[in-house]
Protein backbone atom coordinates (compact mmCIF):
# COMPACT_ATOMS: atom_id res chain seq x y z
CA MET A 1 -21.56 -21.01 -20.57
CA ASN A 2 -20.75 -17.56 -21.79
CA ALA A 3 -20.09 -14.75 -19.71
CA ASP A 4 -19.91 -10.93 -20.63
CA TYR A 5 -16.66 -10.98 -18.81
CA ASP A 6 -13.69 -13.37 -17.67
CA VAL A 7 -12.80 -11.29 -14.83
CA VAL A 8 -14.58 -8.00 -13.74
CA ILE A 9 -12.46 -5.99 -11.15
CA ILE A 10 -14.65 -3.80 -8.88
CA GLY A 11 -12.38 -0.67 -8.03
CA GLY A 12 -9.75 0.81 -10.12
CA GLY A 13 -7.28 1.79 -7.65
CA MET A 14 -3.77 1.18 -7.66
CA VAL A 15 -4.25 -2.38 -6.57
CA GLY A 16 -7.47 -3.28 -9.08
CA ASN A 17 -5.37 -1.32 -11.72
CA THR A 18 -2.09 -3.50 -11.11
CA LEU A 19 -4.28 -6.54 -11.58
CA ALA A 20 -5.85 -5.67 -14.85
CA CYS A 21 -2.47 -4.37 -16.11
CA ALA A 22 -1.44 -8.08 -15.47
CA LEU A 23 -4.00 -9.49 -17.09
CA GLY A 24 -3.77 -7.05 -20.05
CA GLY A 25 -2.97 -8.70 -23.23
CA SER A 26 -4.24 -12.16 -22.61
CA ASP A 27 -7.27 -13.33 -24.23
CA LEU A 28 -9.37 -12.94 -21.13
CA LYS A 29 -11.89 -10.57 -21.49
CA VAL A 30 -11.61 -7.94 -18.36
CA ALA A 31 -13.63 -5.15 -16.88
CA ILE A 32 -12.62 -2.65 -14.40
CA ILE A 33 -15.81 -0.96 -12.30
CA GLU A 34 -14.73 2.48 -11.14
CA ALA A 35 -17.01 5.19 -9.50
CA ARG A 36 -14.54 7.90 -9.73
CA PRO A 37 -12.20 8.73 -12.58
CA ALA A 38 -8.54 9.13 -11.59
CA GLU A 39 -6.84 12.01 -11.35
CA ILE A 40 -4.50 12.55 -14.29
CA GLU A 41 -3.71 16.40 -14.62
CA TRP A 42 -2.35 18.54 -11.75
CA PRO A 43 -0.18 21.98 -11.61
CA PRO A 44 3.38 20.92 -11.90
CA GLU A 45 4.30 22.39 -8.52
CA SER A 46 1.70 20.70 -6.54
CA ILE A 47 2.48 17.66 -4.73
CA GLY A 48 -0.23 15.02 -3.58
CA MET A 49 -1.11 14.41 0.06
CA ARG A 50 -0.92 10.81 -0.18
CA VAL A 51 1.99 8.91 -0.94
CA SER A 52 3.06 5.41 -0.86
CA ALA A 53 6.64 4.10 0.35
CA ILE A 54 7.44 1.47 -2.97
CA THR A 55 9.58 -1.21 -2.50
CA ALA A 56 11.79 -2.61 -5.01
CA ALA A 57 9.63 -5.96 -5.66
CA SER A 58 6.57 -3.41 -6.18
CA GLN A 59 8.82 -1.36 -8.64
CA GLN A 60 9.52 -4.49 -10.86
CA ILE A 61 5.79 -5.03 -10.79
CA PHE A 62 5.76 -1.78 -12.34
CA THR A 63 8.53 -2.09 -14.67
CA ALA A 64 6.95 -5.58 -15.85
CA LEU A 65 3.92 -3.81 -16.60
CA GLY A 66 4.94 -1.18 -18.50
CA ALA A 67 4.00 1.74 -16.09
CA TRP A 68 7.19 2.56 -14.29
CA ASP A 69 8.37 4.68 -17.16
CA ALA A 70 5.45 6.92 -16.92
CA MET A 71 5.72 7.11 -12.99
CA SER A 72 9.48 8.45 -13.64
CA ALA A 73 8.24 11.06 -16.24
CA MET A 74 5.78 12.46 -13.55
CA ARG A 75 7.78 12.31 -10.80
CA ILE A 76 9.51 9.51 -8.27
CA SER A 77 11.26 10.12 -5.17
CA PRO A 78 13.99 7.83 -4.23
CA PHE A 79 15.15 7.24 -0.82
CA ARG A 80 18.56 5.75 0.07
CA GLU A 81 18.66 5.63 3.93
CA MET A 82 16.41 5.83 6.92
CA ARG A 83 17.08 6.76 10.46
CA VAL A 84 14.74 5.47 12.88
CA TRP A 85 14.79 6.62 17.13
CA ASP A 86 12.96 6.55 19.91
CA ALA A 87 11.62 9.58 21.53
CA GLU A 88 11.74 7.79 25.13
CA GLY A 89 15.53 6.82 24.90
CA ASN A 90 19.11 6.70 23.27
CA GLY A 91 17.80 3.76 20.88
CA ALA A 92 18.51 4.19 17.27
CA VAL A 93 19.16 2.07 14.30
CA HIS A 94 20.24 3.81 10.57
CA PHE A 95 19.66 1.80 7.62
CA ASP A 96 22.18 2.57 4.62
CA SER A 97 21.22 0.76 1.11
CA ALA A 98 24.86 0.91 0.41
CA GLU A 99 25.33 -1.55 3.07
CA ILE A 100 23.65 -4.10 0.61
CA GLY A 101 24.88 -2.89 -2.27
CA GLN A 102 22.11 -1.00 -3.46
CA ASP A 103 21.72 2.27 -4.60
CA LYS A 104 18.32 2.84 -2.83
CA LEU A 105 16.05 1.13 -0.32
CA GLY A 106 12.79 2.23 -2.38
CA HIS A 107 10.73 5.15 -3.72
CA ILE A 108 8.07 7.68 -2.04
CA ILE A 109 5.72 8.02 -4.82
CA GLU A 110 2.39 10.31 -4.72
CA ASN A 111 -0.72 7.71 -4.93
CA ARG A 112 -1.81 9.83 -7.72
CA VAL A 113 1.13 9.28 -9.74
CA ILE A 114 1.06 5.68 -9.54
CA GLN A 115 -2.63 5.75 -10.66
CA ALA A 116 -2.50 8.01 -13.47
CA ALA A 117 0.27 5.81 -15.01
CA LEU A 118 -1.70 2.56 -14.16
CA THR A 119 -4.84 4.15 -15.83
CA GLN A 120 -2.81 5.11 -18.68
CA ARG A 121 -1.44 1.48 -19.38
CA VAL A 122 -4.64 -0.23 -18.52
CA THR A 123 -6.36 2.19 -21.46
CA ALA A 124 -3.70 0.73 -23.94
CA PHE A 125 -5.15 -2.88 -23.49
CA ASP A 126 -7.82 -4.49 -25.82
CA ASN A 127 -8.89 -7.11 -23.90
CA VAL A 128 -9.37 -4.32 -20.53
CA GLU A 129 -12.84 -2.09 -20.49
CA LEU A 130 -12.29 0.42 -18.13
CA ARG A 131 -15.98 1.35 -17.35
CA CYS A 132 -16.31 4.53 -15.17
CA PRO A 133 -18.20 6.20 -13.88
CA GLU A 134 -19.91 2.94 -12.55
CA GLN A 135 -20.63 1.26 -9.16
CA LEU A 136 -21.73 -2.44 -8.05
CA GLU A 137 -25.19 -2.26 -6.81
CA ASP A 138 -25.62 -6.05 -6.17
CA LEU A 139 -23.80 -9.26 -6.41
CA ASP A 140 -24.91 -12.96 -6.77
CA THR A 141 -22.11 -15.64 -7.05
CA SER A 142 -24.50 -18.71 -6.20
CA GLY A 143 -24.45 -20.17 -9.90
CA ALA A 144 -22.55 -20.87 -12.68
CA LEU A 145 -21.30 -17.55 -13.29
CA ALA A 146 -21.51 -14.48 -10.80
CA GLN A 147 -24.10 -12.03 -11.78
CA LEU A 148 -23.33 -8.45 -11.14
CA GLN A 149 -26.17 -5.19 -10.89
CA LEU A 150 -24.59 -2.28 -11.83
CA LYS A 151 -26.00 1.57 -10.95
CA GLU A 152 -25.74 2.36 -14.81
CA GLY A 153 -24.93 -0.62 -16.80
CA GLY A 154 -27.42 -3.17 -15.98
CA THR A 155 -26.81 -6.71 -15.43
CA ILE A 156 -23.64 -8.36 -16.35
CA SER A 157 -21.96 -11.98 -15.81
CA ALA A 158 -18.62 -12.92 -14.91
CA ARG A 159 -16.46 -16.00 -14.57
CA LEU A 160 -14.58 -14.23 -11.86
CA VAL A 161 -15.29 -10.76 -9.48
CA VAL A 162 -12.30 -9.58 -7.90
CA GLY A 163 -13.06 -6.91 -4.96
CA ALA A 164 -10.31 -4.24 -5.34
CA ASP A 165 -12.86 -2.07 -3.65
CA GLY A 166 -11.07 -1.07 -0.37
CA ALA A 167 -11.61 -1.71 3.06
CA ASN A 168 -15.03 -1.16 2.88
CA SER A 169 -15.75 -3.52 0.45
CA ARG A 170 -18.68 -4.08 -1.14
CA VAL A 171 -17.59 -7.12 -2.69
CA ARG A 172 -16.42 -8.68 0.58
CA GLN A 173 -20.01 -7.46 2.37
CA HIS A 174 -22.17 -9.08 -0.31
CA ALA A 175 -20.42 -11.80 -0.44
CA GLY A 176 -20.76 -12.12 3.38
CA ILE A 177 -17.25 -12.97 4.15
CA GLU A 178 -16.44 -11.75 7.44
CA THR A 179 -13.35 -9.74 8.98
CA ASP A 180 -11.15 -9.88 11.97
CA GLY A 181 -9.65 -6.90 13.37
CA TRP A 182 -9.89 -4.14 15.67
CA PRO A 183 -9.39 0.01 15.60
CA TYR A 184 -5.97 1.19 16.64
CA HIS A 185 -7.50 4.56 18.44
CA GLN A 186 -4.90 6.27 16.07
CA SER A 187 -5.39 8.76 13.20
CA GLY A 188 -2.85 9.37 10.44
CA VAL A 189 -2.11 13.10 10.06
CA VAL A 190 -0.84 13.70 6.51
CA THR A 191 0.75 16.78 4.76
CA THR A 192 3.71 17.93 2.64
CA ILE A 193 6.31 20.37 4.12
CA HIS A 194 9.57 21.95 3.83
CA THR A 195 12.63 22.19 6.45
CA GLU A 196 15.70 24.26 6.73
CA LEU A 197 18.09 21.27 6.38
CA PRO A 198 17.84 19.41 3.43
CA HIS A 199 16.35 15.46 3.90
CA GLN A 200 19.63 13.88 2.72
CA GLU A 201 17.17 11.30 0.61
CA THR A 202 16.67 9.90 3.82
CA ALA A 203 13.35 8.51 5.57
CA TRP A 204 13.18 9.82 9.09
CA GLN A 205 11.09 7.77 11.78
CA ARG A 206 10.89 9.10 15.34
CA PHE A 207 8.43 6.71 17.72
CA MET A 208 6.36 8.42 20.13
CA PRO A 209 3.89 7.26 22.99
CA ASN A 210 0.99 8.06 20.70
CA GLY A 211 2.32 6.58 17.69
CA PRO A 212 5.36 7.52 15.37
CA LEU A 213 5.99 10.28 13.18
CA ALA A 214 7.76 9.68 9.84
CA PHE A 215 9.04 12.50 7.15
CA LEU A 216 9.34 11.01 3.77
CA PRO A 217 11.72 12.41 1.54
CA LEU A 218 10.42 14.36 -1.89
CA ASN A 219 12.40 15.04 -4.99
CA ASN A 220 11.31 18.71 -4.64
CA GLY A 221 13.33 18.80 -1.74
CA GLY A 222 10.30 18.87 0.84
CA CYS A 223 8.84 15.59 2.79
CA SER A 224 5.56 14.16 2.95
CA ILE A 225 5.05 13.14 6.47
CA VAL A 226 2.72 10.85 8.28
CA TRP A 227 2.18 11.39 12.03
CA SER A 228 0.33 8.82 13.79
CA THR A 229 -1.21 9.57 17.17
CA THR A 230 -4.71 9.72 18.75
CA PRO A 231 -7.50 10.96 17.17
CA GLU A 232 -7.81 13.51 19.75
CA HIS A 233 -4.33 14.78 19.12
CA ALA A 234 -5.29 14.62 15.63
CA ASP A 235 -8.10 16.85 15.42
CA GLU A 236 -5.99 19.24 17.47
CA LEU A 237 -3.10 19.33 14.84
CA LEU A 238 -5.78 19.80 11.82
CA ALA A 239 -7.21 22.57 13.86
CA LEU A 240 -4.02 24.43 14.66
CA SER A 241 -3.06 27.28 12.36
CA ASP A 242 -0.04 27.14 9.87
CA GLU A 243 2.48 28.89 11.96
CA GLU A 244 1.36 27.15 15.03
CA PHE A 245 1.67 23.45 13.48
CA LEU A 246 5.16 24.31 11.96
CA ILE A 247 6.11 24.78 15.61
CA ALA A 248 4.57 21.46 16.93
CA LEU A 249 5.93 19.40 14.23
CA SER A 250 9.48 20.78 14.26
CA HIS A 251 9.20 20.05 18.36
CA ALA A 252 7.97 16.42 17.54
CA SER A 253 10.55 16.14 15.16
CA GLU A 254 13.23 17.08 17.69
CA HIS A 255 14.39 19.61 14.74
CA ARG A 256 16.41 16.58 13.19
CA LEU A 257 16.18 18.92 10.01
CA GLY A 258 15.97 22.09 11.60
CA ASN A 259 12.50 23.79 11.97
CA VAL A 260 9.71 23.04 9.33
CA ILE A 261 9.28 26.22 7.39
CA GLU A 262 6.07 25.66 5.03
CA VAL A 263 3.32 23.15 5.10
CA GLY A 264 0.58 22.29 2.86
CA GLN A 265 -2.59 21.29 2.78
CA ARG A 266 -3.61 18.72 6.17
CA GLY A 267 -5.94 15.78 6.05
CA ALA A 268 -6.38 12.61 8.29
CA PHE A 269 -7.72 9.21 7.99
CA PRO A 270 -8.23 6.59 10.94
CA LEU A 271 -5.69 3.56 11.35
CA ASN A 272 -7.32 0.42 11.73
CA ARG A 273 -6.35 -3.23 11.62
CA GLN A 274 -8.54 -5.40 9.07
CA HIS A 275 -8.22 -9.24 7.66
CA ALA A 276 -10.77 -10.99 5.88
CA ASN A 277 -11.40 -14.67 7.24
CA THR A 278 -10.94 -15.70 3.39
CA TYR A 279 -9.46 -14.30 0.65
CA ILE A 280 -11.97 -16.38 -1.78
CA GLY A 281 -15.51 -17.70 -2.58
CA ASN A 282 -17.34 -18.99 -5.58
CA HIS A 283 -16.33 -16.99 -8.85
CA LEU A 284 -14.70 -14.44 -5.93
CA ALA A 285 -11.37 -13.11 -4.76
CA LEU A 286 -10.57 -10.44 -2.86
CA ILE A 287 -7.20 -8.25 -3.21
CA GLY A 288 -5.44 -5.43 -1.03
CA ASP A 289 -7.33 -3.57 1.51
CA ALA A 290 -10.66 -5.23 0.32
CA ALA A 291 -8.56 -8.57 1.88
CA HIS A 292 -6.20 -6.82 4.43
CA THR A 293 -5.23 -3.31 6.11
CA ILE A 294 -2.27 -2.94 8.04
CA HIS A 295 -0.63 -0.36 10.59
CA PRO A 296 1.53 2.38 8.05
CA LEU A 297 4.15 2.60 10.55
CA ALA A 298 6.43 0.34 7.86
CA GLY A 299 4.59 1.92 4.48
CA GLN A 300 3.89 -1.70 3.63
CA GLY A 301 0.15 -1.51 2.98
CA VAL A 302 0.26 -0.96 -1.07
CA ASN A 303 3.14 -3.04 -1.37
CA LEU A 304 1.29 -5.92 0.09
CA GLY A 305 -1.92 -5.30 -2.21
CA LEU A 306 0.71 -5.16 -5.25
CA LEU A 307 1.82 -8.40 -4.63
CA ASP A 308 -1.63 -9.80 -4.09
CA ALA A 309 -2.42 -8.42 -7.47
CA ALA A 310 0.42 -10.05 -9.05
CA ALA A 311 -0.05 -13.40 -7.33
CA LEU A 312 -3.51 -13.56 -8.55
CA ALA A 313 -2.65 -12.51 -11.96
CA GLU A 314 -0.15 -15.33 -11.89
CA VAL A 315 -2.60 -18.05 -10.74
CA LEU A 316 -5.31 -16.80 -12.85
CA LEU A 317 -3.09 -16.73 -16.10
CA ASP A 318 -1.78 -20.42 -14.98
CA ALA A 319 -5.18 -21.68 -14.82
CA HIS A 320 -6.40 -20.44 -18.13
CA ALA A 321 -3.62 -21.23 -20.28
CA LYS A 322 -4.62 -25.16 -18.78
CA GLY A 323 -8.08 -24.74 -19.54
CA LYS A 324 -9.32 -24.65 -15.93
CA ALA A 325 -12.29 -22.62 -14.74
CA ILE A 326 -10.56 -19.48 -13.19
CA GLY A 327 -13.44 -18.62 -11.17
CA ALA A 328 -13.49 -22.11 -9.15
CA THR A 329 -12.58 -22.52 -5.53
CA HIS A 330 -10.11 -24.82 -5.42
CA ILE A 331 -8.05 -22.85 -8.36
CA LEU A 332 -8.56 -19.66 -6.22
CA ARG A 333 -7.47 -21.66 -3.22
CA ARG A 334 -4.00 -21.47 -4.45
CA TYR A 335 -3.95 -17.77 -4.67
CA GLU A 336 -5.22 -17.57 -0.79
CA ARG A 337 -2.58 -19.98 0.55
CA TRP A 338 0.06 -17.85 -1.50
CA ARG A 339 -0.96 -14.86 0.02
CA LYS A 340 -2.66 -15.12 3.34
CA GLY A 341 0.07 -16.31 5.14
CA ASP A 342 2.69 -13.66 4.27
CA ASN A 343 0.47 -10.79 4.71
CA LEU A 344 -0.76 -11.91 8.49
CA ILE A 345 3.13 -12.06 8.76
CA MET A 346 3.59 -8.85 8.21
CA MET A 347 -0.10 -7.54 9.73
CA THR A 348 1.22 -9.09 13.21
CA ALA A 349 4.73 -7.99 13.15
CA MET A 350 3.23 -4.36 12.68
CA ASP A 351 0.98 -4.94 15.48
CA GLY A 352 4.08 -6.23 17.64
CA PHE A 353 5.97 -3.17 16.73
CA LYS A 354 3.16 -0.53 17.32
CA LYS A 355 2.63 -2.01 20.91
CA LEU A 356 6.51 -2.40 21.78
CA PHE A 357 6.98 1.35 20.67
CA GLY A 358 3.59 2.69 22.09
CA SER A 359 4.14 0.78 25.69
CA GLU A 360 4.72 3.30 28.54
CA ALA A 361 5.77 0.19 30.71
CA LEU A 362 9.52 0.98 31.83
CA SER A 363 10.90 -2.78 30.91
CA LEU A 364 9.59 -2.48 27.33
CA LYS A 365 10.88 0.90 27.04
CA TRP A 366 14.49 -0.07 28.11
CA LEU A 367 14.16 -3.57 25.49
CA ARG A 368 12.75 -1.62 22.44
CA ASN A 369 15.89 0.89 23.09
CA GLU A 370 18.46 -2.06 23.50
CA GLY A 371 16.81 -3.54 20.49
CA LEU A 372 17.55 -0.51 18.25
CA SER A 373 20.88 -0.07 19.52
CA ILE A 374 21.75 -3.82 19.14
CA THR A 375 20.31 -3.74 15.85
CA ASP A 376 22.43 -0.76 14.31
CA LYS A 377 25.79 -2.68 15.53
CA LEU A 378 24.67 -6.01 13.91
CA PRO A 379 25.13 -5.52 10.00
CA VAL A 380 24.14 -9.14 9.14
CA LEU A 381 20.83 -8.39 11.18
CA LYS A 382 20.36 -5.13 9.65
CA ASN A 383 20.95 -6.45 6.05
CA GLN A 384 18.21 -9.09 6.37
CA ILE A 385 15.62 -6.66 7.47
CA MET A 386 16.76 -4.03 4.55
CA LEU A 387 16.48 -7.07 2.30
CA HIS A 388 13.10 -8.07 3.47
CA ALA A 389 11.71 -4.57 3.71
CA MET A 390 12.66 -4.00 0.04
CA GLY A 391 10.76 -7.19 -1.45
CA TYR A 392 13.96 -9.27 -1.73
CA LYS A 393 12.87 -12.30 0.23
CA GLY A 394 9.96 -14.66 0.50
CA ASP A 395 7.83 -16.49 -2.38
CA LEU A 396 7.60 -13.51 -4.85
CA PRO A 397 5.45 -13.81 -7.96
CA ALA A 398 6.80 -13.89 -11.31
CA LEU A 399 6.23 -10.15 -11.82
CA ALA A 400 8.27 -9.28 -9.09
CA ARG A 401 10.97 -11.87 -8.95
CA TYR A 402 13.16 -9.80 -10.75
CA ALA A 403 13.94 -7.87 -7.56
CA ALA A 404 14.85 -10.84 -5.48
CA ALA A 405 17.82 -11.80 -8.12
């Protein structure tokens, strides 16, 4: 049967556009359905409120897709070291990329920079159509082809529908895929700041009972912060005047970079764990936050989604080259087997860190401080942690594999 498209991607965010770029240049006909146009222009001096910590593996994906140079031309901020310490003890660990022969641990990049570069790249492919503004109204995957009812464009058909539409995925809901998870009863307060002392291209993270506070270095000399705390405290922080917030943040960071002297617009978002019971269905696959959401304490969320996109593209292109049906469940099962286990391991690890560092139990306080101190004294262990965090380990998709060399 002839379909209007081979692949329809619902959601043109960072993960959805990465998949589209990975399928770009093939003979698959691809459409992206996105409700809001990407932000592509902003004042040069402004910094986006939301940023992502991009690993070496994710950088390689962007490089392979031809989007990295555009990001570099806008703004990327490398970080070379990371310092982590416990607010309730003397435990601390220092990670230095030079110890594993690398010049950086990763990059802090504004989400809008990533999105703008990927959108620019998507439009260069003849086989990819960006339909924006457009929304999914209804979805039926029970037949020989998936049927999609769009808000503006009527009904279209596809061999495969990919849900890249975030934690509240309409694709997942239409497919009746249930999720497991729970709220963390935390909110992440985000903003950009400047401090008295230079950040030294170092990511700073202090673990407190209510949640971690991270200072992420930016190449304008400032930092992006993510302050995970209780929803009530987050509301209080948002209600403070700038002067009051500067004092509170300086105190919470133990003045590691001196006083915080300037703050931008503040915002907050709820933190939840969510994992789809299955990533696939008939003519259907989920990637990124539509499949899994994770605590941001290690900055791995978007990187997991980018690996999803690269792995799914590899599975689809391989199946298509062999003349197989790309929407068939047995084909998509390879993608699910490839990614679900790794994602679950990372999610579970982040849960463990959150519980360990959020506990008031004296035994666990002692354990985590001893653990940080011991880790800091064991170069082999520290090096393995850095290599995993950078994406140098594991069963990587081909698009990311150069980073594992």
